[in-house]
N, C-alpha and C. Protein backbone atom coordinates (compact mmCIF):
# COMPACT_ATOMS: atom_id res chain seq x y z
N MET A 1 101.11 79.13 85.98
CA MET A 1 101.03 80.56 85.82
C MET A 1 99.92 81.08 86.70
N ARG A 2 100.19 82.22 87.34
CA ARG A 2 99.15 82.92 88.09
C ARG A 2 99.46 84.39 88.03
N ASN A 3 98.44 85.23 88.15
CA ASN A 3 98.73 86.65 88.21
C ASN A 3 99.12 87.02 89.64
N LEU A 4 99.65 88.23 89.78
CA LEU A 4 100.21 88.61 91.07
C LEU A 4 99.18 88.78 92.17
N ALA A 5 97.89 88.80 91.86
CA ALA A 5 96.85 88.94 92.88
C ALA A 5 96.14 87.61 93.14
N THR A 6 96.77 86.52 92.80
CA THR A 6 96.20 85.18 93.00
C THR A 6 97.00 84.47 94.09
N THR A 7 96.34 83.62 94.82
CA THR A 7 96.93 82.96 95.99
C THR A 7 98.31 82.34 95.74
N HIS A 8 99.18 82.48 96.71
CA HIS A 8 100.49 81.85 96.66
C HIS A 8 100.42 80.37 97.06
N LEU A 9 99.25 79.91 97.43
CA LEU A 9 99.05 78.49 97.67
C LEU A 9 99.44 77.70 96.41
N LEU A 10 99.21 78.30 95.25
CA LEU A 10 99.58 77.64 93.99
C LEU A 10 101.08 77.42 93.90
N ASP A 11 101.87 78.35 94.42
CA ASP A 11 103.33 78.18 94.43
C ASP A 11 103.72 76.97 95.27
N ASP A 12 103.08 76.84 96.44
CA ASP A 12 103.37 75.72 97.33
C ASP A 12 103.00 74.39 96.69
N ILE A 13 101.85 74.35 96.03
CA ILE A 13 101.41 73.13 95.36
C ILE A 13 102.38 72.77 94.23
N ALA A 14 102.76 73.76 93.43
CA ALA A 14 103.70 73.50 92.33
C ALA A 14 105.02 72.94 92.87
N ARG A 15 105.55 73.56 93.92
CA ARG A 15 106.81 73.06 94.51
C ARG A 15 106.68 71.61 94.97
N ARG A 16 105.54 71.28 95.58
CA ARG A 16 105.31 69.92 96.08
C ARG A 16 105.43 68.90 94.94
N PHE A 17 105.07 69.32 93.73
CA PHE A 17 105.11 68.42 92.58
C PHE A 17 106.32 68.66 91.68
N GLY A 18 107.31 69.40 92.20
CA GLY A 18 108.54 69.63 91.46
C GLY A 18 108.40 70.57 90.28
N GLU A 19 107.39 71.42 90.32
CA GLU A 19 107.13 72.36 89.24
C GLU A 19 107.41 73.79 89.71
N ALA A 20 107.53 74.69 88.76
CA ALA A 20 107.68 76.11 89.06
C ALA A 20 106.33 76.80 88.87
N CYS A 21 106.10 77.84 89.64
CA CYS A 21 104.91 78.65 89.47
C CYS A 21 105.39 80.06 89.13
N TYR A 22 104.95 80.59 88.02
CA TYR A 22 105.39 81.90 87.56
C TYR A 22 104.33 82.95 87.83
N GLU A 23 104.78 84.15 88.18
CA GLU A 23 103.88 85.26 88.47
C GLU A 23 103.93 86.27 87.32
N VAL A 24 102.76 86.72 86.90
CA VAL A 24 102.65 87.69 85.82
C VAL A 24 101.71 88.81 86.25
N PRO A 25 101.69 89.93 85.52
CA PRO A 25 100.72 91.00 85.83
C PRO A 25 99.28 90.50 85.68
N VAL A 26 98.35 91.28 86.23
CA VAL A 26 96.93 90.96 86.10
C VAL A 26 96.52 91.11 84.64
N GLY A 27 95.72 90.19 84.17
CA GLY A 27 95.27 90.18 82.78
C GLY A 27 95.58 88.82 82.19
N PHE A 28 94.57 88.17 81.66
CA PHE A 28 94.79 86.81 81.18
C PHE A 28 95.74 86.75 79.99
N LYS A 29 95.89 87.86 79.26
CA LYS A 29 96.83 87.85 78.14
C LYS A 29 98.25 87.55 78.64
N TYR A 30 98.57 88.00 79.86
CA TYR A 30 99.90 87.73 80.43
C TYR A 30 100.02 86.27 80.86
N VAL A 31 98.95 85.73 81.44
CA VAL A 31 98.93 84.32 81.83
C VAL A 31 99.12 83.45 80.59
N SER A 32 98.35 83.73 79.56
CA SER A 32 98.41 82.94 78.33
C SER A 32 99.79 83.00 77.67
N ALA A 33 100.35 84.20 77.58
CA ALA A 33 101.67 84.35 76.96
C ALA A 33 102.74 83.61 77.75
N ALA A 34 102.69 83.71 79.07
CA ALA A 34 103.69 83.03 79.91
C ALA A 34 103.50 81.52 79.86
N MET A 35 102.27 81.06 79.72
CA MET A 35 102.04 79.62 79.58
C MET A 35 102.74 79.09 78.33
N GLN A 36 102.62 79.83 77.24
CA GLN A 36 103.27 79.40 76.00
C GLN A 36 104.79 79.47 76.15
N GLU A 37 105.28 80.55 76.76
CA GLU A 37 106.73 80.72 76.93
C GLU A 37 107.35 79.60 77.76
N HIS A 38 106.66 79.19 78.82
CA HIS A 38 107.22 78.20 79.74
C HIS A 38 106.63 76.80 79.56
N ASN A 39 105.77 76.62 78.54
CA ASN A 39 105.10 75.35 78.30
C ASN A 39 104.40 74.86 79.57
N ALA A 40 103.71 75.78 80.23
CA ALA A 40 103.08 75.49 81.52
C ALA A 40 101.90 74.54 81.38
N VAL A 41 101.61 73.83 82.44
CA VAL A 41 100.52 72.87 82.47
C VAL A 41 99.19 73.59 82.68
N ILE A 42 99.18 74.60 83.55
CA ILE A 42 97.92 75.26 83.91
C ILE A 42 98.19 76.73 84.20
N GLY A 43 97.21 77.55 83.93
CA GLY A 43 97.33 78.97 84.23
C GLY A 43 95.99 79.52 84.64
N GLY A 44 96.01 80.44 85.59
CA GLY A 44 94.75 81.01 86.03
C GLY A 44 94.95 82.29 86.80
N GLU A 45 93.82 82.87 87.16
CA GLU A 45 93.85 84.09 87.95
C GLU A 45 92.68 84.12 88.91
N SER A 46 92.74 85.02 89.86
CA SER A 46 91.77 85.06 90.95
C SER A 46 90.34 85.30 90.48
N SER A 47 90.14 85.81 89.30
CA SER A 47 88.79 86.06 88.79
C SER A 47 88.08 84.78 88.39
N GLY A 48 88.78 83.66 88.41
CA GLY A 48 88.18 82.38 88.05
C GLY A 48 88.55 81.93 86.65
N GLY A 49 89.25 82.76 85.91
CA GLY A 49 89.70 82.36 84.58
C GLY A 49 90.79 81.31 84.69
N LEU A 50 90.73 80.31 83.83
CA LEU A 50 91.69 79.22 83.89
C LEU A 50 91.81 78.59 82.52
N THR A 51 92.97 78.08 82.22
CA THR A 51 93.15 77.25 81.04
C THR A 51 94.25 76.24 81.33
N VAL A 52 94.31 75.21 80.52
CA VAL A 52 95.34 74.19 80.66
C VAL A 52 96.02 73.99 79.31
N ARG A 53 97.22 73.43 79.35
CA ARG A 53 97.96 73.16 78.13
C ARG A 53 97.08 72.33 77.19
N GLY A 54 97.00 72.76 75.94
CA GLY A 54 96.21 72.05 74.95
C GLY A 54 94.79 72.57 74.81
N HIS A 55 94.36 73.45 75.73
CA HIS A 55 93.03 74.06 75.65
C HIS A 55 93.20 75.44 75.02
N ILE A 56 92.16 76.23 74.97
CA ILE A 56 92.24 77.57 74.38
C ILE A 56 93.25 78.43 75.14
N HIS A 57 93.76 79.47 74.48
CA HIS A 57 94.75 80.35 75.10
C HIS A 57 94.10 81.53 75.84
N GLY A 58 92.82 81.46 76.06
CA GLY A 58 92.11 82.49 76.81
C GLY A 58 91.51 81.88 78.06
N LYS A 59 91.01 82.75 78.94
CA LYS A 59 90.42 82.22 80.17
C LYS A 59 89.06 81.62 79.86
N ASP A 60 88.79 80.53 80.53
CA ASP A 60 87.57 79.80 80.29
C ASP A 60 86.98 79.39 81.63
N GLY A 61 86.10 80.22 82.16
CA GLY A 61 85.48 79.96 83.45
C GLY A 61 84.56 78.75 83.42
N ILE A 62 83.90 78.52 82.29
CA ILE A 62 83.01 77.36 82.18
C ILE A 62 83.84 76.07 82.24
N TYR A 63 84.96 76.06 81.56
CA TYR A 63 85.85 74.89 81.60
C TYR A 63 86.38 74.68 83.03
N ALA A 64 86.76 75.77 83.70
CA ALA A 64 87.24 75.69 85.08
C ALA A 64 86.16 75.09 85.98
N ALA A 65 84.92 75.54 85.81
CA ALA A 65 83.82 75.02 86.61
C ALA A 65 83.59 73.53 86.32
N ALA A 66 83.71 73.15 85.05
CA ALA A 66 83.53 71.74 84.68
C ALA A 66 84.62 70.87 85.31
N LEU A 67 85.86 71.36 85.33
CA LEU A 67 86.94 70.62 85.97
C LEU A 67 86.68 70.46 87.47
N LEU A 68 86.15 71.50 88.09
CA LEU A 68 85.83 71.45 89.51
C LEU A 68 84.72 70.41 89.78
N VAL A 69 83.69 70.44 88.96
CA VAL A 69 82.59 69.47 89.12
C VAL A 69 83.14 68.05 88.93
N GLU A 70 84.02 67.87 87.95
CA GLU A 70 84.61 66.55 87.74
C GLU A 70 85.43 66.12 88.96
N MET A 71 86.19 67.03 89.52
CA MET A 71 87.00 66.71 90.70
C MET A 71 86.11 66.29 91.87
N LEU A 72 85.01 67.01 92.06
CA LEU A 72 84.08 66.67 93.14
C LEU A 72 83.47 65.28 92.90
N SER A 73 83.14 65.01 91.65
CA SER A 73 82.53 63.72 91.31
C SER A 73 83.52 62.57 91.51
N VAL A 74 84.74 62.74 91.04
CA VAL A 74 85.75 61.68 91.12
C VAL A 74 86.15 61.40 92.57
N THR A 75 86.34 62.47 93.36
CA THR A 75 86.77 62.27 94.75
C THR A 75 85.63 61.91 95.68
N GLY A 76 84.40 62.30 95.32
CA GLY A 76 83.26 62.07 96.20
C GLY A 76 83.28 62.96 97.43
N LYS A 77 84.11 64.00 97.39
CA LYS A 77 84.23 64.91 98.54
C LYS A 77 83.55 66.23 98.26
N LYS A 78 83.20 66.92 99.34
CA LYS A 78 82.67 68.27 99.24
C LYS A 78 83.82 69.23 98.96
N LEU A 79 83.50 70.36 98.33
CA LEU A 79 84.52 71.37 98.07
C LEU A 79 85.19 71.80 99.37
N SER A 80 84.42 71.98 100.41
CA SER A 80 84.98 72.40 101.71
C SER A 80 86.00 71.38 102.23
N GLU A 81 85.75 70.10 101.97
CA GLU A 81 86.70 69.06 102.40
C GLU A 81 88.00 69.14 101.60
N LEU A 82 87.90 69.38 100.31
CA LEU A 82 89.11 69.50 99.49
C LEU A 82 89.93 70.72 99.88
N VAL A 83 89.25 71.83 100.14
CA VAL A 83 89.95 73.04 100.58
C VAL A 83 90.64 72.78 101.92
N GLN A 84 89.95 72.12 102.83
CA GLN A 84 90.55 71.82 104.13
C GLN A 84 91.78 70.93 103.99
N GLU A 85 91.73 69.97 103.06
CA GLU A 85 92.91 69.13 102.81
C GLU A 85 94.09 69.98 102.35
N LEU A 86 93.83 70.94 101.48
CA LEU A 86 94.91 71.84 101.04
C LEU A 86 95.46 72.63 102.22
N TYR A 87 94.58 73.18 103.05
CA TYR A 87 95.02 73.96 104.20
C TYR A 87 95.78 73.09 105.21
N ASP A 88 95.33 71.85 105.38
CA ASP A 88 96.03 70.94 106.29
C ASP A 88 97.43 70.62 105.78
N THR A 89 97.57 70.55 104.47
CA THR A 89 98.86 70.22 103.87
C THR A 89 99.79 71.42 103.77
N PHE A 90 99.25 72.57 103.38
CA PHE A 90 100.09 73.73 103.05
C PHE A 90 99.92 74.93 103.98
N SER A 91 98.93 74.98 104.80
CA SER A 91 98.56 76.06 105.73
C SER A 91 97.40 76.88 105.16
N ALA A 92 96.60 77.36 106.08
CA ALA A 92 95.41 78.13 105.71
C ALA A 92 95.80 79.50 105.16
N ARG A 93 94.97 80.02 104.29
CA ARG A 93 95.16 81.36 103.71
C ARG A 93 93.82 82.08 103.77
N TYR A 94 93.90 83.39 103.92
CA TYR A 94 92.70 84.19 103.88
C TYR A 94 92.99 85.41 103.01
N MET A 95 92.10 85.71 102.08
CA MET A 95 92.33 86.84 101.19
C MET A 95 91.24 87.89 101.36
N THR A 96 91.68 89.14 101.38
CA THR A 96 90.75 90.27 101.35
C THR A 96 90.92 90.98 100.02
N GLU A 97 89.86 91.63 99.60
CA GLU A 97 89.91 92.46 98.39
C GLU A 97 89.05 93.69 98.64
N TYR A 98 89.64 94.84 98.48
CA TYR A 98 88.94 96.11 98.61
C TYR A 98 89.18 96.92 97.35
N ASP A 99 88.24 97.77 96.99
CA ASP A 99 88.50 98.69 95.88
C ASP A 99 87.79 100.01 96.11
N TRP A 100 88.38 101.03 95.53
CA TRP A 100 87.90 102.40 95.67
C TRP A 100 87.83 103.06 94.30
N ALA A 101 86.75 103.78 94.06
CA ALA A 101 86.69 104.67 92.90
C ALA A 101 87.51 105.90 93.24
N PHE A 102 88.07 106.53 92.24
CA PHE A 102 88.82 107.76 92.48
C PHE A 102 88.58 108.73 91.33
N ASP A 103 88.76 110.00 91.61
CA ASP A 103 88.63 111.03 90.59
C ASP A 103 89.92 111.09 89.79
N ALA A 104 89.82 111.46 88.53
CA ALA A 104 91.00 111.55 87.66
C ALA A 104 92.05 112.48 88.26
N GLU A 105 91.60 113.52 88.96
CA GLU A 105 92.55 114.47 89.55
C GLU A 105 93.38 113.83 90.68
N ASP A 106 92.85 112.79 91.30
CA ASP A 106 93.53 112.15 92.43
C ASP A 106 94.51 111.05 91.98
N LYS A 107 94.40 110.61 90.74
CA LYS A 107 95.25 109.50 90.29
C LYS A 107 96.74 109.81 90.38
N PRO A 108 97.22 111.00 89.99
CA PRO A 108 98.66 111.25 90.12
C PRO A 108 99.18 111.13 91.56
N ARG A 109 98.37 111.58 92.53
CA ARG A 109 98.78 111.47 93.94
C ARG A 109 98.90 110.00 94.33
N LEU A 110 97.89 109.22 93.96
CA LEU A 110 97.92 107.79 94.28
C LEU A 110 99.07 107.08 93.57
N GLN A 111 99.30 107.42 92.31
CA GLN A 111 100.41 106.82 91.57
C GLN A 111 101.75 107.13 92.23
N ALA A 112 101.92 108.38 92.66
CA ALA A 112 103.17 108.78 93.31
C ALA A 112 103.38 108.00 94.60
N LEU A 113 102.33 107.83 95.39
CA LEU A 113 102.46 107.07 96.63
C LEU A 113 102.81 105.61 96.35
N LEU A 114 102.15 105.02 95.36
CA LEU A 114 102.42 103.61 95.04
C LEU A 114 103.82 103.40 94.46
N ALA A 115 104.29 104.34 93.70
CA ALA A 115 105.60 104.19 93.04
C ALA A 115 106.75 104.71 93.89
N GLY A 116 106.45 105.40 94.98
CA GLY A 116 107.49 106.00 95.81
C GLY A 116 108.32 104.98 96.56
N LYS A 117 109.41 105.46 97.12
CA LYS A 117 110.31 104.58 97.87
C LYS A 117 109.75 104.25 99.25
N GLU A 118 108.91 105.14 99.78
CA GLU A 118 108.36 104.93 101.12
C GLU A 118 107.25 103.88 101.09
N LEU A 119 107.31 102.97 102.04
CA LEU A 119 106.27 101.96 102.20
C LEU A 119 105.50 102.26 103.48
N PRO A 120 104.27 101.81 103.56
CA PRO A 120 103.55 101.93 104.83
C PRO A 120 104.30 101.17 105.92
N VAL A 121 104.01 101.50 107.16
CA VAL A 121 104.62 100.79 108.29
C VAL A 121 103.68 99.66 108.70
N PHE A 122 104.19 98.44 108.59
CA PHE A 122 103.42 97.24 108.92
C PHE A 122 103.96 96.63 110.22
N PRO A 123 103.17 95.81 110.88
CA PRO A 123 103.66 95.12 112.09
C PRO A 123 104.85 94.20 111.80
N ALA A 124 104.90 93.63 110.60
CA ALA A 124 106.01 92.76 110.21
C ALA A 124 106.81 93.45 109.11
N LYS A 125 108.10 93.18 109.10
CA LYS A 125 108.98 93.77 108.09
C LYS A 125 108.76 93.10 106.73
N PRO A 126 108.58 93.90 105.67
CA PRO A 126 108.45 93.31 104.33
C PRO A 126 109.71 92.54 103.95
N THR A 127 109.53 91.46 103.20
CA THR A 127 110.67 90.67 102.72
C THR A 127 110.99 90.98 101.26
N GLY A 128 110.12 91.76 100.61
CA GLY A 128 110.37 92.11 99.22
C GLY A 128 109.27 92.99 98.67
N VAL A 129 109.56 93.61 97.53
CA VAL A 129 108.60 94.46 96.84
C VAL A 129 108.67 94.12 95.36
N ASN A 130 107.51 94.04 94.73
CA ASN A 130 107.41 93.71 93.32
C ASN A 130 106.57 94.82 92.67
N ASP A 131 107.09 95.45 91.65
CA ASP A 131 106.39 96.54 90.99
C ASP A 131 105.98 96.22 89.55
N ILE A 132 105.75 94.94 89.22
CA ILE A 132 105.41 94.61 87.84
C ILE A 132 104.00 95.07 87.46
N ASP A 133 103.14 95.29 88.45
CA ASP A 133 101.76 95.72 88.18
C ASP A 133 101.24 96.35 89.46
N GLY A 134 101.42 97.64 89.62
CA GLY A 134 101.10 98.28 90.89
C GLY A 134 102.24 98.04 91.85
N ARG A 135 101.92 97.84 93.12
CA ARG A 135 102.94 97.56 94.13
C ARG A 135 102.51 96.34 94.92
N LYS A 136 103.37 95.35 94.92
CA LYS A 136 103.14 94.14 95.71
C LYS A 136 104.19 94.11 96.81
N ILE A 137 103.73 93.97 98.03
CA ILE A 137 104.63 93.91 99.18
C ILE A 137 104.55 92.50 99.74
N LEU A 138 105.69 91.88 99.85
CA LEU A 138 105.78 90.49 100.31
C LEU A 138 106.19 90.46 101.78
N PHE A 139 105.64 89.49 102.50
CA PHE A 139 105.96 89.28 103.91
C PHE A 139 106.29 87.81 104.11
N GLU A 140 106.87 87.49 105.23
CA GLU A 140 107.21 86.11 105.55
C GLU A 140 105.99 85.19 105.42
N ASN A 141 104.82 85.68 105.81
CA ASN A 141 103.64 84.82 105.84
C ASN A 141 102.50 85.28 104.92
N GLY A 142 102.79 86.15 103.96
CA GLY A 142 101.74 86.60 103.06
C GLY A 142 102.18 87.72 102.14
N TRP A 143 101.22 88.42 101.58
CA TRP A 143 101.52 89.49 100.63
C TRP A 143 100.33 90.43 100.53
N LEU A 144 100.59 91.59 99.94
CA LEU A 144 99.58 92.61 99.71
C LEU A 144 99.87 93.27 98.37
N VAL A 145 98.83 93.52 97.57
CA VAL A 145 98.96 94.21 96.29
C VAL A 145 98.05 95.42 96.28
N ALA A 146 98.57 96.55 95.82
CA ALA A 146 97.75 97.73 95.54
C ALA A 146 98.00 98.07 94.08
N ARG A 147 96.93 98.09 93.29
CA ARG A 147 97.09 98.32 91.85
C ARG A 147 95.85 98.99 91.29
N PHE A 148 96.06 99.70 90.19
CA PHE A 148 94.95 100.33 89.48
C PHE A 148 94.30 99.30 88.57
N SER A 149 92.98 99.33 88.50
CA SER A 149 92.26 98.48 87.56
C SER A 149 92.66 98.89 86.15
N GLY A 150 92.74 97.92 85.27
CA GLY A 150 93.03 98.22 83.88
C GLY A 150 91.79 98.51 83.06
N THR A 151 90.61 98.37 83.68
CA THR A 151 89.37 98.52 82.93
C THR A 151 88.44 99.61 83.44
N GLU A 152 88.71 100.14 84.64
CA GLU A 152 87.84 101.18 85.19
C GLU A 152 88.64 102.03 86.18
N PRO A 153 88.15 103.23 86.51
CA PRO A 153 88.91 104.10 87.43
C PRO A 153 88.75 103.66 88.88
N ARG A 154 89.44 102.58 89.22
CA ARG A 154 89.38 102.04 90.57
C ARG A 154 90.78 101.61 91.00
N LEU A 155 91.02 101.74 92.28
CA LEU A 155 92.25 101.25 92.89
C LEU A 155 91.87 100.04 93.72
N ARG A 156 92.59 98.95 93.54
CA ARG A 156 92.26 97.71 94.25
C ARG A 156 93.41 97.31 95.18
N VAL A 157 93.02 96.78 96.32
CA VAL A 157 93.99 96.26 97.29
C VAL A 157 93.60 94.82 97.61
N PHE A 158 94.53 93.91 97.39
CA PHE A 158 94.35 92.49 97.69
C PHE A 158 95.38 92.12 98.76
N CYS A 159 94.99 91.29 99.69
CA CYS A 159 95.93 90.86 100.72
C CYS A 159 95.66 89.42 101.07
N GLU A 160 96.72 88.61 101.15
CA GLU A 160 96.61 87.21 101.55
C GLU A 160 97.48 86.98 102.78
N MET A 161 96.85 86.51 103.84
CA MET A 161 97.53 86.25 105.10
C MET A 161 96.96 84.97 105.72
N PRO A 162 97.56 84.48 106.78
CA PRO A 162 97.07 83.26 107.41
C PRO A 162 95.69 83.40 108.07
N ASP A 163 95.27 84.62 108.38
CA ASP A 163 93.95 84.78 108.99
C ASP A 163 93.32 86.10 108.56
N ARG A 164 92.01 86.17 108.73
CA ARG A 164 91.23 87.33 108.29
C ARG A 164 91.66 88.61 109.00
N LYS A 165 91.87 88.53 110.29
CA LYS A 165 92.21 89.72 111.08
C LYS A 165 93.48 90.38 110.54
N GLN A 166 94.49 89.60 110.27
CA GLN A 166 95.75 90.14 109.76
C GLN A 166 95.59 90.70 108.35
N ALA A 167 94.86 89.99 107.49
CA ALA A 167 94.65 90.48 106.11
C ALA A 167 93.89 91.81 106.13
N GLU A 168 92.88 91.91 106.96
CA GLU A 168 92.13 93.16 107.04
C GLU A 168 92.98 94.28 107.64
N ALA A 169 93.79 93.97 108.65
CA ALA A 169 94.65 94.99 109.26
C ALA A 169 95.67 95.53 108.26
N TYR A 170 96.30 94.65 107.48
CA TYR A 170 97.29 95.09 106.50
C TYR A 170 96.63 95.91 105.39
N SER A 171 95.43 95.50 104.97
CA SER A 171 94.69 96.27 103.97
C SER A 171 94.36 97.66 104.50
N ARG A 172 93.97 97.74 105.75
CA ARG A 172 93.65 99.03 106.39
C ARG A 172 94.89 99.93 106.45
N ILE A 173 96.04 99.35 106.73
CA ILE A 173 97.29 100.13 106.78
C ILE A 173 97.57 100.76 105.42
N VAL A 174 97.38 100.00 104.35
CA VAL A 174 97.62 100.54 103.00
C VAL A 174 96.57 101.59 102.65
N ALA A 175 95.32 101.35 103.01
CA ALA A 175 94.27 102.34 102.75
C ALA A 175 94.59 103.65 103.46
N ASP A 176 95.02 103.57 104.71
CA ASP A 176 95.39 104.79 105.45
C ASP A 176 96.57 105.49 104.79
N PHE A 177 97.56 104.70 104.37
CA PHE A 177 98.74 105.25 103.73
C PHE A 177 98.37 106.01 102.44
N LEU A 178 97.38 105.47 101.72
CA LEU A 178 96.95 106.09 100.47
C LEU A 178 95.86 107.16 100.67
N GLY A 179 95.40 107.30 101.91
CA GLY A 179 94.35 108.29 102.19
C GLY A 179 93.00 107.88 101.68
N LEU A 180 92.72 106.57 101.70
CA LEU A 180 91.45 106.04 101.21
C LEU A 180 90.62 105.56 102.40
N PRO A 181 89.32 105.83 102.38
CA PRO A 181 88.47 105.45 103.52
C PRO A 181 88.20 103.96 103.56
N MET A 182 88.32 103.35 104.74
CA MET A 182 87.90 101.97 104.95
C MET A 182 86.55 102.02 105.64
N GLU A 183 85.56 101.43 105.02
CA GLU A 183 84.20 101.45 105.59
C GLU A 183 83.86 100.16 106.24
């Protein structure tokens, strides 16, 4: 299980091991519920929250950190080496995250743009759109999400692409489309 703003590298890893990776809205309550529904082995989100089958049904960053320390100890490798092994096996990924505060009066305009049929014009043609939590636009080599925070008046844009330049460019395109300043 992963939320829609978490790396798709997890999908590739799951496929390699004959498993499915399910996408849910942002919020660990969705990860936890889907884990129970699908009897999933592991669930997490980009904020660092993680749990495994048989552990608590909430996110546990301390447990996630302990698993990471154990992995480093058992393999004897640096974290950078393990990440490089993943990139060598599945391809490199780069993620950007931007967020903007907005006034309550501006939220309807932003909601209309996100929910509308018109998409921004990107260098590559989108391969799909997912509206389970904001708007997620899928591409052959990555994805972009624009969504409202569930806890504060902020709009967030996440983008995962093979390199930083492309992720930043796609994020900028969405910011321009929404009329938000990129600094």
